[in-house]
Protein backbone atom coordinates (compact mmCIF):
# COMPACT_ATOMS: atom_id res chain seq x y z
CA UNK A 1 -49.19 75.66 -115.58
CA UNK A 2 -46.07 74.62 -113.66
CA UNK A 3 -46.61 74.44 -109.88
CA UNK A 4 -43.52 74.67 -107.69
CA UNK A 5 -42.87 72.69 -104.52
CA UNK A 6 -43.31 74.59 -101.25
CA UNK A 7 -41.89 74.54 -97.78
CA UNK A 8 -42.04 76.72 -94.65
CA UNK A 9 -40.40 80.13 -94.62
CA UNK A 10 -39.23 79.50 -91.06
CA UNK A 11 -39.69 76.94 -88.34
CA UNK A 12 -42.40 77.00 -85.64
CA UNK A 13 -43.26 74.95 -82.58
CA UNK A 14 -46.50 73.67 -81.06
CA UNK A 15 -46.94 72.03 -77.67
CA UNK A 16 -49.78 70.12 -76.06
CA UNK A 17 -50.88 66.85 -74.53
CA UNK A 18 -51.14 63.53 -76.33
CA UNK A 19 -54.74 62.33 -76.38
CA UNK A 20 -54.14 58.81 -75.10
CA UNK A 21 -50.77 59.08 -73.35
CA UNK A 22 -51.35 62.39 -71.54
CA UNK A 23 -47.67 63.16 -72.24
CA UNK A 24 -46.65 66.76 -72.88
CA UNK A 25 -45.38 66.90 -76.44
CA UNK A 26 -43.46 69.56 -78.34
CA UNK A 27 -43.42 69.54 -82.14
CA UNK A 28 -41.16 71.75 -84.21
CA UNK A 29 -42.00 72.09 -87.90
CA UNK A 30 -38.94 72.95 -90.03
CA UNK A 31 -38.32 73.85 -93.69
CA UNK A 32 -37.07 70.89 -95.75
CA UNK A 33 -35.35 70.52 -99.14
CA UNK A 34 -37.03 69.63 -102.42
CA UNK A 35 -38.45 66.13 -102.84
CA UNK A 36 -38.22 65.56 -99.06
CA UNK A 37 -41.91 65.09 -98.36
CA UNK A 38 -43.21 65.00 -94.79
CA UNK A 39 -41.06 63.26 -92.18
CA UNK A 40 -41.14 62.96 -88.42
CA UNK A 41 -37.98 62.91 -86.31
CA UNK A 42 -38.09 61.46 -82.79
CA UNK A 43 -35.57 63.74 -81.15
CA UNK A 44 -36.13 62.08 -77.74
CA UNK A 45 -34.76 58.71 -78.96
CA UNK A 46 -31.18 57.61 -79.36
CA UNK A 47 -29.77 58.62 -82.76
CA UNK A 48 -32.90 60.77 -83.34
CA UNK A 49 -34.38 58.50 -86.04
CA UNK A 50 -36.37 59.99 -88.91
CA UNK A 51 -39.63 58.36 -89.96
CA UNK A 52 -41.15 59.04 -93.37
CA UNK A 53 -44.87 59.81 -93.33
CA UNK A 54 -45.87 56.80 -95.40
CA UNK A 55 -48.81 54.42 -95.50
CA UNK A 56 -46.38 51.49 -95.68
CA UNK A 57 -45.44 52.22 -92.06
CA UNK A 58 -49.01 52.27 -90.63
CA UNK A 59 -49.20 49.81 -87.72
CA UNK A 60 -52.42 50.80 -85.95
CA UNK A 61 -55.61 52.69 -86.79
CA UNK A 62 -57.85 51.85 -83.82
CA UNK A 63 -57.74 55.29 -82.14
CA UNK A 64 -55.99 57.40 -84.77
CA UNK A 65 -53.31 56.71 -87.35
CA UNK A 66 -50.03 55.32 -85.98
CA UNK A 67 -46.87 54.94 -88.08
CA UNK A 68 -43.79 53.03 -87.01
CA UNK A 69 -40.51 52.00 -88.63
CA UNK A 70 -37.72 50.27 -86.74
CA UNK A 71 -37.36 52.05 -83.40
CA UNK A 72 -39.40 55.18 -84.32
CA UNK A 73 -43.14 55.42 -83.68
CA UNK A 74 -45.52 58.41 -83.97
CA UNK A 75 -49.25 58.27 -83.33
CA UNK A 76 -52.24 60.45 -84.19
CA UNK A 77 -50.51 61.96 -87.22
CA UNK A 78 -53.61 62.70 -89.30
CA UNK A 79 -54.48 66.24 -88.16
CA UNK A 80 -50.97 67.63 -88.61
CA UNK A 81 -50.61 65.98 -92.04
CA UNK A 82 -54.00 67.33 -93.09
CA UNK A 83 -52.91 70.85 -92.14
CA UNK A 84 -49.66 70.56 -94.10
CA UNK A 85 -51.50 69.26 -97.16
CA UNK A 86 -54.38 71.70 -96.83
CA UNK A 87 -51.96 74.61 -96.64
CA UNK A 88 -50.33 73.47 -99.89
CA UNK A 89 -46.95 72.38 -98.48
CA UNK A 90 -44.72 69.64 -99.91
CA UNK A 91 -41.58 69.39 -97.81
CA UNK A 92 -41.48 69.66 -94.01
CA UNK A 93 -39.41 68.02 -91.25
CA UNK A 94 -41.37 67.60 -88.00
CA UNK A 95 -39.30 67.16 -84.86
CA UNK A 96 -41.27 65.58 -82.02
CA UNK A 97 -40.08 64.75 -78.50
CA UNK A 98 -42.57 61.99 -77.70
CA UNK A 99 -44.57 59.34 -79.52
CA UNK A 100 -47.95 61.09 -79.83
CA UNK A 101 -48.93 64.25 -81.69
CA UNK A 102 -50.82 66.60 -79.33
CA UNK A 103 -54.60 66.59 -79.75
CA UNK A 104 -54.97 70.36 -79.08
CA UNK A 105 -58.68 71.18 -79.73
CA UNK A 106 -59.28 68.05 -81.87
CA UNK A 107 -59.00 69.93 -85.16
CA UNK A 108 -56.22 71.20 -87.43
CA UNK A 109 -56.84 74.85 -86.55
CA UNK A 110 -53.70 75.54 -84.48
CA UNK A 111 -51.44 73.87 -87.03
CA UNK A 112 -52.93 76.02 -89.79
CA UNK A 113 -52.57 79.23 -87.81
CA UNK A 114 -48.94 78.46 -87.02
CA UNK A 115 -48.20 77.69 -90.71
CA UNK A 116 -49.71 81.03 -91.72
CA UNK A 117 -47.59 82.87 -89.16
CA UNK A 118 -44.39 81.08 -90.25
CA UNK A 119 -45.03 81.73 -93.93
CA UNK A 120 -44.67 79.57 -97.04
CA UNK A 121 -42.00 79.78 -99.75
CA UNK A 122 -41.73 78.28 -103.21
CA UNK A 123 -38.79 76.02 -104.01
CA UNK A 124 -36.82 75.60 -107.20
CA UNK A 125 -38.42 72.33 -108.28
CA UNK A 126 -41.66 71.38 -109.97
CA UNK A 127 -44.30 69.60 -107.91
CA UNK A 128 -45.14 66.10 -109.10
CA UNK A 129 -48.75 64.95 -109.00
CA UNK A 130 -50.25 61.52 -109.16
CA UNK A 131 -53.02 62.01 -111.70
CA UNK A 132 -55.97 59.65 -111.34
CA UNK A 133 -56.61 58.28 -114.85
CA UNK A 134 -58.79 55.30 -113.99
CA UNK A 135 -61.06 54.37 -111.13
CA UNK A 136 -59.38 53.09 -107.95
CA UNK A 137 -61.68 51.42 -105.40
CA UNK A 138 -61.26 50.27 -101.80
CA UNK A 139 -64.18 48.48 -100.17
CA UNK A 140 -64.62 46.77 -96.81
CA UNK A 141 -67.72 44.58 -96.83
CA UNK A 142 -67.67 44.13 -93.06
CA UNK A 143 -67.71 47.82 -92.14
CA UNK A 144 -69.44 49.18 -95.24
CA UNK A 145 -66.55 51.58 -95.87
CA UNK A 146 -65.90 52.44 -99.50
CA UNK A 147 -63.45 54.93 -101.01
CA UNK A 148 -63.27 55.64 -104.73
CA UNK A 149 -60.83 57.79 -106.70
CA UNK A 150 -62.04 59.15 -110.03
CA UNK A 151 -60.33 61.36 -112.65
CA UNK A 152 -60.65 65.12 -112.12
CA UNK A 153 -58.65 68.26 -112.80
CA UNK A 154 -58.13 69.13 -109.12
CA UNK A 155 -58.10 67.47 -105.70
CA UNK A 156 -61.76 67.24 -104.64
CA UNK A 157 -63.38 65.25 -101.84
CA UNK A 158 -66.93 64.12 -101.11
CA UNK A 159 -67.60 62.43 -97.78
CA UNK A 160 -70.69 60.62 -96.48
CA UNK A 161 -70.86 59.34 -92.92
CA UNK A 162 -73.61 57.09 -91.59
CA UNK A 163 -74.12 55.82 -88.05
CA UNK A 164 -76.84 53.75 -86.45
CA UNK A 165 -77.75 56.65 -84.23
CA UNK A 166 -80.84 58.84 -83.89
CA UNK A 167 -78.54 61.79 -83.12
CA UNK A 168 -75.92 61.29 -85.84
CA UNK A 169 -77.08 59.28 -88.83
CA UNK A 170 -76.29 60.56 -92.33
CA UNK A 171 -74.09 63.61 -92.94
CA UNK A 172 -72.41 64.82 -96.11
CA UNK A 173 -69.44 67.14 -96.66
CA UNK A 174 -67.45 68.20 -99.70
CA UNK A 175 -64.34 70.20 -100.55
CA UNK A 176 -63.95 71.41 -104.11
CA UNK A 177 -60.44 72.80 -103.71
CA UNK A 178 -57.66 72.63 -101.12
CA UNK A 179 -57.63 76.43 -101.22
CA UNK A 180 -60.85 76.24 -99.14
CA UNK A 181 -59.34 73.94 -96.51
CA UNK A 182 -58.57 76.69 -93.97
CA UNK A 183 -62.02 78.25 -94.13
CA UNK A 184 -64.17 75.13 -94.53
CA UNK A 185 -62.40 72.20 -92.87
CA UNK A 186 -59.45 73.09 -90.62
CA UNK A 187 -61.56 74.16 -87.60
CA UNK A 188 -63.73 71.05 -87.52
CA UNK A 189 -63.23 68.99 -84.40
CA UNK A 190 -63.19 65.28 -83.82
CA UNK A 191 -66.25 63.66 -82.27
CA UNK A 192 -66.92 60.73 -79.96
CA UNK A 193 -70.03 58.88 -78.84
CA UNK A 194 -70.62 58.71 -75.10
CA UNK A 195 -70.42 54.90 -75.07
CA UNK A 196 -67.00 55.10 -76.76
CA UNK A 197 -65.83 57.66 -74.23
CA UNK A 198 -66.81 55.42 -71.35
CA UNK A 199 -64.97 52.47 -72.92
CA UNK A 200 -61.83 54.54 -73.45
CA UNK A 201 -61.88 55.79 -69.87
CA UNK A 202 -62.31 52.29 -68.45
CA UNK A 203 -59.36 51.07 -70.55
CA UNK A 204 -56.99 53.82 -69.35
CA UNK A 205 -57.10 55.66 -72.67
CA UNK A 206 -57.81 59.34 -73.50
CA UNK A 207 -55.71 60.20 -70.42
CA UNK A 208 -54.83 63.46 -72.11
CA UNK A 209 -58.33 64.07 -73.37
CA UNK A 210 -60.42 67.11 -72.59
CA UNK A 211 -64.11 67.50 -73.17
CA UNK A 212 -63.29 70.69 -75.07
CA UNK A 213 -61.23 68.72 -77.63
CA UNK A 214 -64.11 66.66 -78.99
CA UNK A 215 -67.79 66.86 -79.79
CA UNK A 216 -69.48 64.39 -77.38
CA UNK A 217 -72.59 62.79 -78.86
CA UNK A 218 -75.18 61.38 -76.46
CA UNK A 219 -76.38 58.16 -78.08
CA UNK A 220 -78.28 56.88 -75.04
CA UNK A 221 -80.16 58.28 -72.06
CA UNK A 222 -77.90 59.18 -69.13
CA UNK A 223 -78.95 60.82 -65.90
CA UNK A 224 -77.32 64.05 -64.73
CA UNK A 225 -75.37 62.26 -62.01
CA UNK A 226 -73.57 60.11 -64.61
CA UNK A 227 -72.77 63.20 -66.70
CA UNK A 228 -71.36 64.90 -63.62
CA UNK A 229 -69.15 61.90 -62.92
CA UNK A 230 -67.72 61.94 -66.44
CA UNK A 231 -67.13 65.69 -66.29
CA UNK A 232 -65.25 65.22 -63.02
CA UNK A 233 -63.01 62.59 -64.61
CA UNK A 234 -61.91 65.22 -67.12
CA UNK A 235 -61.68 67.98 -64.48
CA UNK A 236 -64.34 69.76 -66.52
CA UNK A 237 -67.21 71.93 -65.37
CA UNK A 238 -70.58 70.22 -65.21
CA UNK A 239 -72.33 69.65 -68.55
CA UNK A 240 -75.85 69.12 -69.77
CA UNK A 241 -77.38 67.56 -72.86
CA UNK A 242 -78.55 69.97 -75.58
CA UNK A 243 -81.41 69.35 -77.91
CA UNK A 244 -80.16 66.92 -80.51
CA UNK A 245 -78.14 64.83 -78.09
CA UNK A 246 -74.94 66.95 -78.03
CA UNK A 247 -73.33 67.91 -74.75
CA UNK A 248 -73.22 71.63 -74.03
CA UNK A 249 -69.46 71.64 -73.56
CA UNK A 250 -69.07 73.40 -76.93
CA UNK A 251 -71.03 74.83 -79.85
CA UNK A 252 -71.16 73.19 -83.24
CA UNK A 253 -69.55 75.34 -85.93
CA UNK A 254 -71.52 73.64 -88.74
CA UNK A 255 -74.51 71.37 -88.81
CA UNK A 256 -72.30 68.82 -90.56
CA UNK A 257 -69.15 69.40 -88.52
CA UNK A 258 -68.71 65.66 -87.91
CA UNK A 259 -68.67 64.90 -91.65
CA UNK A 260 -66.27 67.79 -92.24
CA UNK A 261 -63.91 66.40 -89.62
CA UNK A 262 -64.02 63.00 -91.33
CA UNK A 263 -63.03 64.80 -94.53
CA UNK A 264 -60.10 66.36 -92.64
CA UNK A 265 -59.04 62.86 -91.52
CA UNK A 266 -59.24 61.56 -95.09
CA UNK A 267 -56.92 64.32 -96.32
CA UNK A 268 -54.40 63.61 -93.53
CA UNK A 269 -54.45 59.84 -93.99
CA UNK A 270 -54.24 59.95 -97.79
CA UNK A 271 -51.23 62.27 -97.48
CA UNK A 272 -49.43 59.08 -96.40
CA UNK A 273 -49.50 58.01 -100.06
CA UNK A 274 -46.54 60.38 -100.43
CA UNK A 275 -47.62 62.34 -103.50
CA UNK A 276 -50.06 65.15 -104.26
CA UNK A 277 -53.16 63.95 -106.06
CA UNK A 278 -55.27 65.22 -108.91
CA UNK A 279 -58.58 63.44 -108.75
CA UNK A 280 -61.93 63.23 -106.97
CA UNK A 281 -62.13 61.17 -103.77
CA UNK A 282 -65.57 59.85 -102.83
CA UNK A 283 -65.64 58.24 -99.40
CA UNK A 284 -68.58 56.49 -97.73
CA UNK A 285 -68.22 55.69 -94.02
CA UNK A 286 -64.48 56.48 -93.99
CA UNK A 287 -62.25 55.68 -91.03
CA UNK A 288 -58.53 55.56 -90.38
CA UNK A 289 -58.25 51.92 -91.41
CA UNK A 290 -60.14 52.44 -94.67
CA UNK A 291 -58.28 55.70 -95.36
CA UNK A 292 -54.83 54.22 -94.91
CA UNK A 293 -55.67 51.03 -96.86
CA UNK A 294 -56.81 53.28 -99.67
CA UNK A 295 -53.57 55.28 -99.39
CA UNK A 296 -51.71 51.98 -99.90
CA UNK A 297 -53.70 51.39 -103.09
CA UNK A 298 -52.67 54.86 -104.26
CA UNK A 299 -49.04 54.05 -103.45
CA UNK A 300 -49.24 50.86 -105.51
CA UNK A 301 -50.71 52.81 -108.43
CA UNK A 302 -47.88 55.37 -108.09
CA UNK A 303 -45.30 52.55 -108.12
CA UNK A 304 -46.98 51.10 -111.17
CA UNK A 305 -46.95 54.40 -112.98
CA UNK A 306 -43.33 55.02 -112.02
CA UNK A 307 -42.22 51.58 -113.17
CA UNK A 308 -43.88 52.13 -116.57
CA UNK A 309 -42.38 55.55 -117.24
CA UNK A 310 -39.56 54.36 -119.48
CA UNK A 311 -37.41 51.34 -120.16
CA UNK A 312 -34.23 50.95 -118.11
CA UNK A 313 -31.09 51.90 -120.02
CA UNK A 314 -29.09 48.83 -121.05
CA UNK A 315 -25.50 49.43 -122.07
CA UNK A 316 -23.68 46.11 -122.81
CA UNK A 317 -20.40 47.87 -122.01
CA UNK A 318 -21.46 48.72 -118.44
CA UNK A 319 -20.11 46.57 -115.54
CA UNK A 320 -22.27 43.59 -114.59
CA UNK A 321 -23.46 43.50 -110.97
CA UNK A 322 -24.18 39.75 -111.01
CA UNK A 323 -23.21 37.29 -113.74
CA UNK A 324 -24.93 33.94 -114.28
CA UNK A 325 -22.59 32.14 -111.86
CA UNK A 326 -23.45 34.58 -109.05
CA UNK A 327 -27.14 34.22 -109.91
CA UNK A 328 -26.86 30.42 -109.61
CA UNK A 329 -25.62 30.89 -106.03
CA UNK A 330 -28.94 32.56 -105.17
CA UNK A 331 -31.46 30.70 -107.34
CA UNK A 332 -31.98 26.92 -107.44
CA UNK A 333 -32.98 27.05 -111.16
CA UNK A 334 -30.80 25.37 -113.77
CA UNK A 335 -30.90 24.63 -117.51
CA UNK A 336 -33.35 24.83 -119.20
CA UNK A 337 -35.22 26.88 -116.62
CA UNK A 338 -32.77 29.57 -115.55
CA UNK A 339 -34.17 32.63 -117.34
CA UNK A 340 -31.98 35.51 -116.04
CA UNK A 341 -28.51 35.86 -117.61
CA UNK A 342 -27.21 38.82 -115.58
CA UNK A 343 -28.15 41.67 -113.26
CA UNK A 344 -27.20 45.20 -114.36
CA UNK A 345 -28.77 47.38 -111.66
CA UNK A 346 -29.97 46.97 -108.07
CA UNK A 347 -31.46 49.82 -106.02
CA UNK A 348 -33.35 50.07 -102.72
CA UNK A 349 -36.69 49.17 -104.28
CA UNK A 350 -35.99 47.60 -107.69
CA UNK A 351 -33.73 45.33 -109.72
CA UNK A 352 -32.94 45.17 -113.44
CA UNK A 353 -31.87 41.97 -115.16
CA UNK A 354 -31.21 40.73 -118.70
CA UNK A 355 -32.41 37.68 -120.63
CA UNK A 356 -30.91 37.14 -124.07
CA UNK A 357 -33.27 35.13 -126.28
CA UNK A 358 -31.59 32.98 -128.94
CA UNK A 359 -32.88 30.57 -131.53
CA UNK A 360 -31.27 27.75 -129.54
CA UNK A 361 -33.79 28.06 -126.66
CA UNK A 362 -35.23 24.53 -126.18
CA UNK A 363 -38.82 25.78 -125.94
CA UNK A 364 -38.74 27.02 -129.54
CA UNK A 365 -38.72 23.39 -130.70
CA UNK A 366 -42.41 23.17 -129.85
CA UNK A 367 -43.47 26.81 -129.51
CA UNK A 368 -43.59 27.05 -132.49
CA UNK A 369 -41.25 25.39 -135.05
CA UNK A 370 -42.37 27.58 -137.94
CA UNK A 371 -43.08 30.71 -135.89
CA UNK A 372 -40.84 30.80 -132.79
CA UNK A 373 -42.44 32.83 -129.98
CA UNK A 374 -41.30 32.80 -126.37
CA UNK A 375 -44.16 31.43 -124.19
CA UNK A 376 -45.81 34.08 -122.02
CA UNK A 377 -45.57 31.84 -118.98
CA UNK A 378 -41.77 31.95 -119.30
CA UNK A 379 -41.84 35.75 -119.39
CA UNK A 380 -43.78 35.57 -116.12
CA UNK A 381 -41.20 33.16 -114.75
CA UNK A 382 -38.28 35.37 -115.84
CA UNK A 383 -39.77 38.35 -113.98
CA UNK A 384 -40.35 36.16 -110.94
CA UNK A 385 -36.73 34.95 -110.99
CA UNK A 386 -35.46 38.53 -111.14
CA UNK A 387 -37.69 39.33 -108.16
CA UNK A 388 -36.32 36.30 -106.34
CA UNK A 389 -32.76 37.53 -106.90
CA UNK A 390 -33.76 40.94 -105.51
CA UNK A 391 -35.16 39.38 -102.32
CA UNK A 392 -32.55 36.65 -101.78
CA UNK A 393 -29.46 38.80 -102.35
CA UNK A 394 -29.82 40.36 -98.87
CA UNK A 395 -30.81 37.22 -96.93
CA UNK A 396 -28.36 35.55 -94.59
CA UNK A 397 -28.51 31.79 -94.89
CA UNK A 398 -30.23 29.60 -97.48
CA UNK A 399 -33.68 30.76 -98.61
CA UNK A 400 -36.01 30.24 -101.55
CA UNK A 401 -38.98 32.19 -102.85
CA UNK A 402 -42.31 30.64 -103.87
CA UNK A 403 -45.26 32.14 -105.72
CA UNK A 404 -48.38 32.86 -103.66
CA UNK A 405 -50.27 35.01 -106.17
CA UNK A 406 -49.96 36.51 -109.66
CA UNK A 407 -52.32 39.30 -110.72
CA UNK A 408 -52.84 41.73 -113.61
CA UNK A 409 -50.59 39.84 -116.04
CA UNK A 410 -50.66 41.32 -119.55
CA UNK A 411 -48.80 40.31 -122.71
CA UNK A 412 -48.38 43.20 -125.13
CA UNK A 413 -45.92 42.04 -127.83
CA UNK A 414 -44.29 38.82 -129.04
CA UNK A 415 -40.78 37.96 -127.94
CA UNK A 416 -38.78 36.19 -130.66
CA UNK A 417 -35.23 34.92 -131.22
CA UNK A 418 -32.73 37.75 -131.23
CA UNK A 419 -34.59 39.86 -128.66
CA UNK A 420 -32.89 41.10 -125.52
CA UNK A 421 -35.37 41.24 -122.65
CA UNK A 422 -34.75 43.84 -119.94
CA UNK A 423 -36.44 42.67 -116.74
CA UNK A 424 -37.42 45.33 -114.18
CA UNK A 425 -38.98 44.24 -110.89
CA UNK A 426 -40.12 46.90 -108.39
CA UNK A 427 -40.89 46.23 -104.71
CA UNK A 428 -44.37 47.68 -104.13
CA UNK A 429 -44.51 47.38 -100.35
CA UNK A 430 -42.00 46.58 -97.56
CA UNK A 431 -41.23 42.90 -97.02
CA UNK A 432 -43.14 41.81 -93.92
CA UNK A 433 -43.46 38.38 -92.29
CA UNK A 434 -41.63 36.77 -95.16
CA UNK A 435 -44.02 38.10 -97.84
CA UNK A 436 -42.78 40.15 -100.78
CA UNK A 437 -45.07 42.06 -103.14
CA UNK A 438 -43.57 43.17 -106.45
CA UNK A 439 -44.41 44.46 -109.87
CA UNK A 440 -42.55 43.05 -112.86
CA UNK A 441 -42.08 44.45 -116.34
CA UNK A 442 -40.39 42.98 -119.44
CA UNK A 443 -39.02 45.40 -122.03
CA UNK A 444 -37.69 44.79 -125.51
CA UNK A 445 -36.18 48.07 -126.61
CA UNK A 446 -38.46 50.84 -125.34
CA UNK A 447 -41.62 48.72 -125.44
CA UNK A 448 -43.24 46.76 -122.63
CA UNK A 449 -43.82 43.19 -123.79
CA UNK A 450 -45.23 41.76 -120.55
CA UNK A 451 -46.09 42.91 -117.02
CA UNK A 452 -47.68 41.59 -113.84
CA UNK A 453 -48.02 41.85 -110.05
CA UNK A 454 -46.50 39.19 -107.84
CA UNK A 455 -46.72 38.00 -104.25
CA UNK A 456 -44.05 35.58 -103.06
CA UNK A 457 -43.24 33.84 -99.80
CA UNK A 458 -39.65 33.72 -98.56
CA UNK A 459 -38.91 30.29 -97.03
CA UNK A 460 -35.78 29.15 -95.22
CA UNK A 461 -34.23 26.02 -96.74
CA UNK A 462 -32.96 23.45 -94.25
């Protein structure tokens, strides 16, 4: 069944205080065109920059998920993104006039209600899914966090949280379909342990917090005078401890509301992968750092799938973007080790090059005289050189690239004299701190003959 992309029928606005900044924030959610995804626009900044909701832009996860690109920064994005995903939307522009999404009541409830009131419309384009076909695993040995994606026919989630606390130890929550998000997950509020609350207050955080926007869990004995002091800091009426170690500032909606809220966070953070998912997510002890690192793994898998879809079209009559002389201005390689003859396509995140293999290649003298086969290590090198050209073409000054790591290399078919190798190298994450991560593929005709993942360091040459 074909599923169409969806956007809002009309725009709506939500206002509230940022949890940590205490700034009054207004967000306006607007319809967006097909294939737009979710994007934030900082309308309070010069030029009103737009920031794509992407895991590649995550810069902090200590007290919520923060994304930043160039001059634009938006924090605590997870609840709003969970609401958009849970309400089955694909394309929305979110204007925001400060750097932090309002905390509201600590759930996604108000976002969901506003989306329902605004309405949802189908668009004239098919929704693309990333279908989980093999297990994807993220694990952090230090924290015990583990997130696994398994094949399934729908988007399902199973969440287990575990804390060293007599009040909140093990809780489990599940969601079998996003159609149940509004009823089962959207209203579930964030939670905080009392010792965390005290730390945040002492460090001038949660300035916009309210004891009604979080479940406060009492994980140690505190006398009534201390509780009164904390309530006064929040300008809140006096509170008492309930049975079970929960403050009486609000009633739990579910016995496992904390686990359900963690499930909400997982949905919002994984939305940063940029594509709707078909698969089962099993998360143990999730948190914003684990969630967003897992979203990055999903993004890499999406890039890998995209790069394998079909061979680039090579038309010898098309104009050449870089000939061998231009390539020699960028790369230090020379005969017999220059393995890219020309560049035929360069885009924002990939490059396509050509290597013509002739019987005169010097390596065929020994590999092998009676059965000439191009060595696999030279296919790896050819992909790496194409990646080097991609990186170095935009550098000002003299730079070189050096291998740091090669993973997942596979050789699928022999390359022999007379073959024309089409080299496609895709950037799998933004270049940061002089490190480039790429995926390379070698095609002969429509077939992949070799592939691999690369990490390279960009070094200035004196």
